[in-house]
C-alpha atoms as a PDB file:
ATOM      1  CA  MET A   1     164.757 102.933 132.717  1.00  0.00           C
ATOM      2  CA  THR A   2     168.078 101.094 132.948  1.00  0.00           C
ATOM      3  CA  THR A   3     168.684  98.110 135.210  1.00  0.00           C
ATOM      4  CA  GLN A   4     171.681  99.927 136.697  1.00  0.00           C
ATOM      5  CA  ARG A   5     169.548 102.883 137.802  1.00  0.00           C
ATOM      6  CA  PHE A   6     166.990 100.532 139.328  1.00  0.00           C
ATOM      7  CA  PHE A   7     169.643  98.783 141.453  1.00  0.00           C
ATOM      8  CA  LEU A   8     171.078 102.147 142.540  1.00  0.00           C
ATOM      9  CA  LEU A   9     167.608 103.121 143.746  1.00  0.00           C
ATOM     10  CA  VAL A  10     167.265  99.844 145.644  1.00  0.00           C
ATOM     11  CA  ILE A  11     170.685 100.302 147.302  1.00  0.00           C
ATOM     12  CA  ALA A  12     169.810 103.886 148.278  1.00  0.00           C
ATOM     13  CA  PHE A  13     166.480 102.652 149.652  1.00  0.00           C
ATOM     14  CA  ILE A  14     168.142  99.980 151.833  1.00  0.00           C
ATOM     15  CA  SER A  15     170.846 102.387 153.051  1.00  0.00           C
ATOM     16  CA  LEU A  16     168.211 104.901 154.082  1.00  0.00           C
ATOM     17  CA  VAL A  17     166.351 102.281 156.109  1.00  0.00           C
ATOM     18  CA  LEU A  18     169.498 101.079 157.895  1.00  0.00           C
ATOM     19  CA  SER A  19     170.682 104.597 158.744  1.00  0.00           C
ATOM     20  CA  GLY A  20     167.373 105.515 160.371  1.00  0.00           C
ATOM     21  CA  CYS A  21     166.954 102.463 162.613  1.00  0.00           C
ATOM     22  CA  SER A  22     166.322 103.291 166.279  1.00  0.00           C
ATOM     23  CA  THR A  23     164.630 101.889 169.388  1.00  0.00           C
ATOM     24  CA  SER A  24     161.553 103.276 171.153  1.00  0.00           C
ATOM     25  CA  PRO A  25     161.235 103.644 174.970  1.00  0.00           C
ATOM     26  CA  THR A  26     159.416 100.291 175.084  1.00  0.00           C
ATOM     27  CA  GLY A  27     162.131  98.523 173.083  1.00  0.00           C
ATOM     28  CA  ARG A  28     160.323  98.521 169.745  1.00  0.00           C
ATOM     29  CA  LYS A  29     162.353  99.003 166.567  1.00  0.00           C
ATOM     30  CA  GLN A  30     161.452 102.220 164.778  1.00  0.00           C
ATOM     31  CA  LEU A  31     162.576 104.348 161.862  1.00  0.00           C
ATOM     32  CA  LYS A  32     163.592 107.986 162.392  1.00  0.00           C
ATOM     33  CA  LEU A  33     165.083 109.724 159.384  1.00  0.00           C
ATOM     34  CA  TYR A  34     164.966 113.292 160.723  1.00  0.00           C
ATOM     35  CA  SER A  35     166.765 115.101 163.543  1.00  0.00           C
ATOM     36  CA  SER A  36     164.914 116.003 166.748  1.00  0.00           C
ATOM     37  CA  SER A  37     165.477 119.698 166.070  1.00  0.00           C
ATOM     38  CA  GLN A  38     163.808 119.409 162.655  1.00  0.00           C
ATOM     39  CA  ILE A  39     160.770 117.696 164.151  1.00  0.00           C
ATOM     40  CA  ASP A  40     160.614 120.197 167.049  1.00  0.00           C
ATOM     41  CA  GLN A  41     160.541 123.072 164.556  1.00  0.00           C
ATOM     42  CA  GLN A  42     157.692 121.417 162.681  1.00  0.00           C
ATOM     43  CA  GLY A  43     155.807 120.922 165.956  1.00  0.00           C
ATOM     44  CA  VAL A  44     156.149 124.573 166.910  1.00  0.00           C
ATOM     45  CA  MET A  45     155.027 125.720 163.455  1.00  0.00           C
ATOM     46  CA  ALA A  46     152.046 123.377 163.501  1.00  0.00           C
ATOM     47  CA  PHE A  47     151.003 124.574 166.959  1.00  0.00           C
ATOM     48  CA  ASP A  48     151.137 128.209 165.869  1.00  0.00           C
ATOM     49  CA  GLN A  49     148.936 127.375 162.878  1.00  0.00           C
ATOM     50  CA  ILE A  50     146.413 125.586 165.093  1.00  0.00           C
ATOM     51  CA  LYS A  51     146.262 128.573 167.460  1.00  0.00           C
ATOM     52  CA  GLY A  52     145.590 130.791 164.463  1.00  0.00           C
ATOM     53  CA  LYS A  53     142.712 128.653 163.209  1.00  0.00           C
ATOM     54  CA  GLN A  54     141.104 127.313 166.392  1.00  0.00           C
ATOM     55  CA  LYS A  55     139.282 129.383 168.989  1.00  0.00           C
ATOM     56  CA  VAL A  56     141.335 129.599 172.177  1.00  0.00           C
ATOM     57  CA  SER A  57     139.394 129.339 175.443  1.00  0.00           C
ATOM     58  CA  HIS A  58     139.817 132.189 177.927  1.00  0.00           C
ATOM     59  CA  ASN A  59     137.799 130.432 180.624  1.00  0.00           C
ATOM     60  CA  PRO A  60     140.048 130.875 183.693  1.00  0.00           C
ATOM     61  CA  LYS A  61     138.759 127.726 185.417  1.00  0.00           C
ATOM     62  CA  TYR A  62     139.411 125.510 182.400  1.00  0.00           C
ATOM     63  CA  ASN A  63     142.845 127.003 181.795  1.00  0.00           C
ATOM     64  CA  ARG A  64     143.884 126.739 185.435  1.00  0.00           C
ATOM     65  CA  TYR A  65     142.664 123.136 185.650  1.00  0.00           C
ATOM     66  CA  VAL A  66     144.333 121.900 182.461  1.00  0.00           C
ATOM     67  CA  GLN A  67     147.536 123.773 183.269  1.00  0.00           C
ATOM     68  CA  CYS A  68     147.596 122.193 186.739  1.00  0.00           C
ATOM     69  CA  VAL A  69     147.394 118.653 185.331  1.00  0.00           C
ATOM     70  CA  ALA A  70     149.959 119.355 182.602  1.00  0.00           C
ATOM     71  CA  ASN A  71     152.330 121.010 185.072  1.00  0.00           C
ATOM     72  CA  ALA A  72     152.210 117.898 187.268  1.00  0.00           C
ATOM     73  CA  ILE A  73     153.108 115.609 184.353  1.00  0.00           C
ATOM     74  CA  THR A  74     155.711 117.475 182.292  1.00  0.00           C
ATOM     75  CA  PRO A  75     158.480 117.534 184.961  1.00  0.00           C
ATOM     76  CA  TYR A  76     158.678 113.759 184.518  1.00  0.00           C
ATOM     77  CA  VAL A  77     159.504 114.107 180.824  1.00  0.00           C
ATOM     78  CA  SER A  78     163.228 113.764 180.153  1.00  0.00           C
ATOM     79  CA  LYS A  79     165.048 116.996 179.322  1.00  0.00           C
ATOM     80  CA  SER A  80     166.435 115.177 176.295  1.00  0.00           C
ATOM     81  CA  VAL A  81     162.886 115.163 174.912  1.00  0.00           C
ATOM     82  CA  PHE A  82     162.248 118.840 175.627  1.00  0.00           C
ATOM     83  CA  ASN A  83     164.319 121.145 177.792  1.00  0.00           C
ATOM     84  CA  GLY A  84     162.076 124.128 178.381  1.00  0.00           C
ATOM     85  CA  LYS A  85     158.676 125.297 179.594  1.00  0.00           C
ATOM     86  CA  TRP A  86     155.772 123.463 177.975  1.00  0.00           C
ATOM     87  CA  GLU A  87     153.117 125.650 176.371  1.00  0.00           C
ATOM     88  CA  VAL A  88     149.592 124.506 177.253  1.00  0.00           C
ATOM     89  CA  VAL A  89     146.564 125.885 175.395  1.00  0.00           C
ATOM     90  CA  VAL A  90     142.867 125.093 175.917  1.00  0.00           C
ATOM     91  CA  PHE A  91     140.781 125.291 172.743  1.00  0.00           C
ATOM     92  CA  ASP A  92     137.091 126.185 172.883  1.00  0.00           C
ATOM     93  CA  SER A  93     135.593 123.315 170.928  1.00  0.00           C
ATOM     94  CA  LYS A  94     133.174 120.410 171.385  1.00  0.00           C
ATOM     95  CA  GLN A  95     135.845 118.031 170.137  1.00  0.00           C
ATOM     96  CA  VAL A  96     136.624 115.270 172.614  1.00  0.00           C
ATOM     97  CA  ASN A  97     140.324 115.474 171.946  1.00  0.00           C
ATOM     98  CA  ALA A  98     143.788 116.607 173.005  1.00  0.00           C
ATOM     99  CA  PHE A  99     147.250 116.502 171.483  1.00  0.00           C
ATOM    100  CA  ALA A 100     150.912 117.122 172.222  1.00  0.00           C
ATOM    101  CA  LEU A 101     153.523 118.179 169.701  1.00  0.00           C
ATOM    102  CA  PRO A 102     157.320 118.067 169.619  1.00  0.00           C
ATOM    103  CA  GLY A 103     158.800 121.314 170.846  1.00  0.00           C
ATOM    104  CA  GLY A 104     156.886 121.306 174.148  1.00  0.00           C
ATOM    105  CA  LYS A 105     153.308 121.979 173.021  1.00  0.00           C
ATOM    106  CA  ILE A 106     150.058 120.636 174.526  1.00  0.00           C
ATOM    107  CA  GLY A 107     146.525 121.353 173.322  1.00  0.00           C
ATOM    108  CA  VAL A 108     143.294 120.319 175.061  1.00  0.00           C
ATOM    109  CA  TYR A 109     139.764 120.810 173.695  1.00  0.00           C
ATOM    110  CA  THR A 110     137.031 121.789 176.132  1.00  0.00           C
ATOM    111  CA  GLY A 111     134.853 118.924 174.857  1.00  0.00           C
ATOM    112  CA  LEU A 112     137.283 116.481 176.448  1.00  0.00           C
ATOM    113  CA  LEU A 113     136.574 117.917 179.901  1.00  0.00           C
ATOM    114  CA  LYS A 114     133.021 116.544 179.707  1.00  0.00           C
ATOM    115  CA  VAL A 115     134.281 112.988 179.147  1.00  0.00           C
ATOM    116  CA  ALA A 116     137.417 113.035 181.302  1.00  0.00           C
ATOM    117  CA  LYS A 117     135.507 113.339 184.565  1.00  0.00           C
ATOM    118  CA  ASN A 118     138.366 114.087 186.973  1.00  0.00           C
ATOM    119  CA  GLN A 119     142.028 115.081 187.156  1.00  0.00           C
ATOM    120  CA  ASP A 120     143.218 111.487 186.868  1.00  0.00           C
ATOM    121  CA  GLN A 121     141.286 110.854 183.678  1.00  0.00           C
ATOM    122  CA  LEU A 122     142.531 114.100 182.153  1.00  0.00           C
ATOM    123  CA  ALA A 123     146.060 113.106 183.212  1.00  0.00           C
ATOM    124  CA  ALA A 124     145.591 109.810 181.354  1.00  0.00           C
ATOM    125  CA  VAL A 125     144.860 111.704 178.137  1.00  0.00           C
ATOM    126  CA  ILE A 126     147.640 114.265 178.544  1.00  0.00           C
ATOM    127  CA  GLY A 127     150.081 111.529 179.575  1.00  0.00           C
ATOM    128  CA  HIS A 128     149.154 109.546 176.481  1.00  0.00           C
ATOM    129  CA  GLU A 129     149.633 112.532 174.177  1.00  0.00           C
ATOM    130  CA  VAL A 130     152.968 113.448 175.752  1.00  0.00           C
ATOM    131  CA  GLY A 131     153.871 109.766 175.368  1.00  0.00           C
ATOM    132  CA  HIS A 132     153.716 110.235 171.603  1.00  0.00           C
ATOM    133  CA  VAL A 133     156.287 113.018 171.922  1.00  0.00           C
ATOM    134  CA  ILE A 134     158.544 110.979 174.237  1.00  0.00           C
ATOM    135  CA  ALA A 135     158.550 108.059 171.789  1.00  0.00           C
ATOM    136  CA  GLU A 136     159.135 110.466 168.862  1.00  0.00           C
ATOM    137  CA  HIS A 137     156.134 109.114 167.020  1.00  0.00           C
ATOM    138  CA  GLY A 138     155.960 112.309 164.957  1.00  0.00           C
ATOM    139  CA  ASN A 139     159.424 111.644 163.552  1.00  0.00           C
ATOM    140  CA  GLU A 140     158.522 108.011 163.017  1.00  0.00           C
ATOM    141  CA  ARG A 141     155.309 108.814 161.168  1.00  0.00           C
ATOM    142  CA  VAL A 142     156.968 111.329 158.865  1.00  0.00           C
ATOM    143  CA  SER A 143     159.824 108.893 158.229  1.00  0.00           C
ATOM    144  CA  ASN A 144     157.449 106.012 157.591  1.00  0.00           C
ATOM    145  CA  ASN A 145     155.413 108.050 155.107  1.00  0.00           C
ATOM    146  CA  ALA A 146     158.593 109.109 153.326  1.00  0.00           C
ATOM    147  CA  LEU A 147     159.791 105.510 153.201  1.00  0.00           C
ATOM    148  CA  VAL A 148     156.483 104.262 151.801  1.00  0.00           C
ATOM    149  CA  GLY A 149     156.737 106.906 149.081  1.00  0.00           C
ATOM    150  CA  ILE A 150     160.324 105.907 148.223  1.00  0.00           C
ATOM    151  CA  GLY A 151     159.365 102.216 148.231  1.00  0.00           C
ATOM    152  CA  LEU A 152     156.525 102.824 145.810  1.00  0.00           C
ATOM    153  CA  GLN A 153     158.882 104.739 143.524  1.00  0.00           C
ATOM    154  CA  VAL A 154     161.272 101.770 143.493  1.00  0.00           C
ATOM    155  CA  ALA A 155     158.371  99.413 142.717  1.00  0.00           C
ATOM    156  CA  ASP A 156     157.237 101.722 139.915  1.00  0.00           C
ATOM    157  CA  VAL A 157     160.720 101.686 138.382  1.00  0.00           C
ATOM    158  CA  ALA A 158     160.786  97.882 138.551  1.00  0.00           C
ATOM    159  CA  LEU A 159     157.423  97.565 136.836  1.00  0.00           C
ATOM    160  CA  LYS A 160     158.344  99.939 134.011  1.00  0.00           C
ATOM    161  CA  ALA A 161     161.816  98.439 133.606  1.00  0.00           C
ATOM    162  CA  ASN A 162     160.218  95.042 133.030  1.00  0.00           C
ATOM    163  CA  ASP A 163     157.517  96.478 130.775  1.00  0.00           C
ATOM    164  CA  VAL A 164     154.706  95.226 133.016  1.00  0.00           C
ATOM    165  CA  LYS A 165     151.316  96.048 131.509  1.00  0.00           C
ATOM    166  CA  GLN A 166     148.840  98.162 133.498  1.00  0.00           C
ATOM    167  CA  SER A 167     151.567  99.364 135.883  1.00  0.00           C
ATOM    168  CA  ASN A 168     149.468 102.399 136.898  1.00  0.00           C
ATOM    169  CA  ALA A 169     146.644 100.155 138.115  1.00  0.00           C
ATOM    170  CA  ILE A 170     149.095  97.988 140.049  1.00  0.00           C
ATOM    171  CA  MET A 171     150.664 101.061 141.652  1.00  0.00           C
ATOM    172  CA  SER A 172     147.227 102.230 142.780  1.00  0.00           C
ATOM    173  CA  ALA A 173     146.660  98.856 144.401  1.00  0.00           C
ATOM    174  CA  LEU A 174     150.041  99.100 146.116  1.00  0.00           C
ATOM    175  CA  GLY A 175     149.054 102.508 147.453  1.00  0.00           C
ATOM    176  CA  VAL A 176     145.916 101.109 149.055  1.00  0.00           C
ATOM    177  CA  GLY A 177     147.786  98.069 150.268  1.00  0.00           C
ATOM    178  CA  SER A 178     150.511 100.122 151.870  1.00  0.00           C
ATOM    179  CA  GLN A 179     147.941 102.218 153.718  1.00  0.00           C
ATOM    180  CA  VAL A 180     145.974  99.295 155.147  1.00  0.00           C
ATOM    181  CA  ALA A 181     148.860  96.889 155.709  1.00  0.00           C
ATOM    182  CA  VAL A 182     151.537  99.332 156.853  1.00  0.00           C
ATOM    183  CA  THR A 183     150.404 102.850 157.695  1.00  0.00           C
ATOM    184  CA  LEU A 184     147.249 102.194 159.728  1.00  0.00           C
ATOM    185  CA  PRO A 185     148.427  99.194 161.786  1.00  0.00           C
ATOM    186  CA  PHE A 186     151.673 101.032 162.458  1.00  0.00           C
ATOM    187  CA  SER A 187     149.683 103.927 163.885  1.00  0.00           C
ATOM    188  CA  ARG A 188     147.758 101.529 166.143  1.00  0.00           C
ATOM    189  CA  ILE A 189     151.088 100.243 167.483  1.00  0.00           C
ATOM    190  CA  GLN A 190     152.068 103.815 168.301  1.00  0.00           C
ATOM    191  CA  GLU A 191     148.767 104.446 170.088  1.00  0.00           C
ATOM    192  CA  THR A 192     149.224 101.358 172.250  1.00  0.00           C
ATOM    193  CA  GLU A 193     152.802 102.351 173.020  1.00  0.00           C
ATOM    194  CA  ALA A 194     151.703 105.889 173.968  1.00  0.00           C
ATOM    195  CA  ASP A 195     149.105 104.374 176.300  1.00  0.00           C
ATOM    196  CA  GLU A 196     151.805 102.438 178.156  1.00  0.00           C
ATOM    197  CA  ILE A 197     154.189 105.399 178.353  1.00  0.00           C
ATOM    198  CA  GLY A 198     151.384 107.731 179.418  1.00  0.00           C
ATOM    199  CA  LEU A 199     150.171 105.317 182.085  1.00  0.00           C
ATOM    200  CA  ASN A 200     153.614 105.240 183.702  1.00  0.00           C
ATOM    201  CA  LEU A 201     154.008 108.993 183.307  1.00  0.00           C
ATOM    202  CA  MET A 202     150.746 109.852 185.074  1.00  0.00           C
ATOM    203  CA  ALA A 203     151.578 107.368 187.842  1.00  0.00           C
ATOM    204  CA  LYS A 204     155.008 108.936 188.444  1.00  0.00           C
ATOM    205  CA  ALA A 205     153.253 112.296 188.757  1.00  0.00           C
ATOM    206  CA  GLY A 206     150.990 110.879 191.479  1.00  0.00           C
ATOM    207  CA  PHE A 207     147.762 110.460 189.519  1.00  0.00           C
ATOM    208  CA  ASN A 208     145.668 107.300 189.882  1.00  0.00           C
ATOM    209  CA  PRO A 209     146.488 105.100 186.843  1.00  0.00           C
ATOM    210  CA  GLN A 210     143.350 102.999 187.373  1.00  0.00           C
ATOM    211  CA  GLN A 211     141.302 105.972 186.208  1.00  0.00           C
ATOM    212  CA  SER A 212     142.729 105.468 182.700  1.00  0.00           C
ATOM    213  CA  VAL A 213     140.443 102.443 182.409  1.00  0.00           C
ATOM    214  CA  GLU A 214     137.451 104.489 183.545  1.00  0.00           C
ATOM    215  CA  LEU A 215     138.363 107.129 180.981  1.00  0.00           C
ATOM    216  CA  TRP A 216     138.086 104.654 178.123  1.00  0.00           C
ATOM    217  CA  LYS A 217     134.806 103.356 179.466  1.00  0.00           C
ATOM    218  CA  ASN A 218     133.580 106.963 179.329  1.00  0.00           C
ATOM    219  CA  MET A 219     134.964 107.305 175.793  1.00  0.00           C
ATOM    220  CA  GLN A 220     133.103 104.174 174.773  1.00  0.00           C
ATOM    221  CA  LYS A 221     129.837 105.570 176.145  1.00  0.00           C
ATOM    222  CA  ALA A 222     130.423 108.975 174.526  1.00  0.00           C
ATOM    223  CA  SER A 223     130.946 107.380 171.105  1.00  0.00           C
ATOM    224  CA  GLY A 224     127.632 105.555 171.351  1.00  0.00           C
ATOM    225  CA  GLY A 225     129.332 102.486 169.960  1.00  0.00           C
ATOM    226  CA  LYS A 226     129.743 104.169 166.564  1.00  0.00           C
ATOM    227  CA  ARG A 227     133.238 103.480 165.252  1.00  0.00           C
ATOM    228  CA  SER A 228     134.826 101.846 162.219  1.00  0.00           C
ATOM    229  CA  LEU A 229     136.252  98.319 162.315  1.00  0.00           C
ATOM    230  CA  GLU A 230     139.482  98.243 164.313  1.00  0.00           C
ATOM    231  CA  ILE A 231     141.449  96.767 161.427  1.00  0.00           C
ATOM    232  CA  LEU A 232     140.748  99.928 159.382  1.00  0.00           C
ATOM    233  CA  SER A 233     141.193 102.378 162.234  1.00  0.00           C
ATOM    234  CA  THR A 234     144.292 104.259 163.341  1.00  0.00           C
ATOM    235  CA  HIS A 235     143.242 103.785 166.971  1.00  0.00           C
ATOM    236  CA  PRO A 236     142.705 100.554 168.903  1.00  0.00           C
ATOM    237  CA  ALA A 237     139.153  99.826 170.023  1.00  0.00           C
ATOM    238  CA  PRO A 238     138.366 100.986 173.589  1.00  0.00           C
ATOM    239  CA  GLU A 239     138.069  97.344 174.715  1.00  0.00           C
ATOM    240  CA  SER A 240     141.573  96.637 173.410  1.00  0.00           C
ATOM    241  CA  ARG A 241     142.984  99.730 175.100  1.00  0.00           C
ATOM    242  CA  ILE A 242     141.415  98.780 178.420  1.00  0.00           C
ATOM    243  CA  LYS A 243     142.841  95.268 178.196  1.00  0.00           C
ATOM    244  CA  ASP A 244     146.329  96.571 177.415  1.00  0.00           C
ATOM    245  CA  LEU A 245     146.183  99.189 180.175  1.00  0.00           C
ATOM    246  CA  GLN A 246     145.194  96.559 182.726  1.00  0.00           C
ATOM    247  CA  LYS A 247     148.159  94.458 181.600  1.00  0.00           C
ATOM    248  CA  HIS A 248     150.534  97.264 182.658  1.00  0.00           C
ATOM    249  CA  MET A 249     148.574  98.362 185.729  1.00  0.00           C
ATOM    250  CA  ASP A 250     150.685  96.624 188.409  1.00  0.00           C
ATOM    251  CA  LYS A 251     153.813  98.464 187.321  1.00  0.00           C
ATOM    252  CA  ALA A 252     151.930 101.767 187.161  1.00  0.00           C
ATOM    253  CA  LEU A 253     150.510 101.311 190.662  1.00  0.00           C
ATOM    254  CA  LEU A 254     154.013 100.592 191.966  1.00  0.00           C
ATOM    255  CA  LEU A 255     155.263 103.798 190.357  1.00  0.00           C
ATOM    256  CA  ARG A 256     152.414 105.734 191.920  1.00  0.00           C
ATOM    257  CA  SER A 257     153.226 104.345 195.368  1.00  0.00           C
ATOM    258  CA  LYS A 258     156.658 105.949 195.025  1.00  0.00           C
ATOM    259  CA  ALA A 259     155.332 109.336 193.877  1.00  0.00           C
ATOM    260  CA  SER A 260     156.499 112.245 196.025  1.00  0.00           C
ATOM    261  CA  ALA A 261     153.138 114.031 195.914  1.00  0.00           C
ATOM    262  CA  GLU A 262     149.501 113.655 194.848  1.00  0.00           C
ATOM    263  CA  PRO A 263     148.256 116.431 192.568  1.00  0.00           C
ATOM    264  CA  SER A 264     145.148 118.406 193.487  1.00  0.00           C
ATOM    265  CA  CYS A 265     143.697 119.841 190.269  1.00  0.00           C
ATOM    266  CA  ARG A 266     140.021 120.770 190.058  1.00  0.00           C
ATOM    267  CA  ILE A 267     137.814 122.997 187.949  1.00  0.00           C
END
């Protein structure tokens, strides 16, 4: 491998990083290498695949309830994020989970309804998931993964160009290092950011933001305290989430005081 080719790869790598620099809704620097339309298309395709593999709930009470909460929240999402009617699907599963995808898609698992005890707690989850879409975390994650891959290729070229022994072993170590030091902590930053965005979103819609704290207390109880160390997890520990939510609570309560209506969603 020639030195000239190596430097061309480095220049291309730096140019790619600079061209994709952007700023998140909370002011954090982020990398987005793909267009919103590309990511929206991927979101729609992924949602269709999930609907084909997961059992969809036809329980009218569950569907009406989840739709009611989602319908209260989505009008407060900027049209620049998604300009259309959001599709909301309830999946019949014990999973305590929910998600939102670019392209106006929201999925909620029935298992979550046993942990999110009221409309406000469900709104906290849906607000959080929609927060990921607002902050374009999907684009950021795909871009980050692509960048890590390109960076490792550049490192591999450098090692081989300098005839470093055992380059394969070193590359394996870099792969692990990039996952723990870059990919996972980066995901935790996104989760915390989505919490803040979701908190404000649910408050604007008239839901009680203080119930977000109660939700995570419920989550903590439901997990039975069984979770991996936070440093190796893509999600912050419940205690950390509660602390961060409380830090932004005053602003959220102010937003709620200005809400035009208070939702009334019940099973």
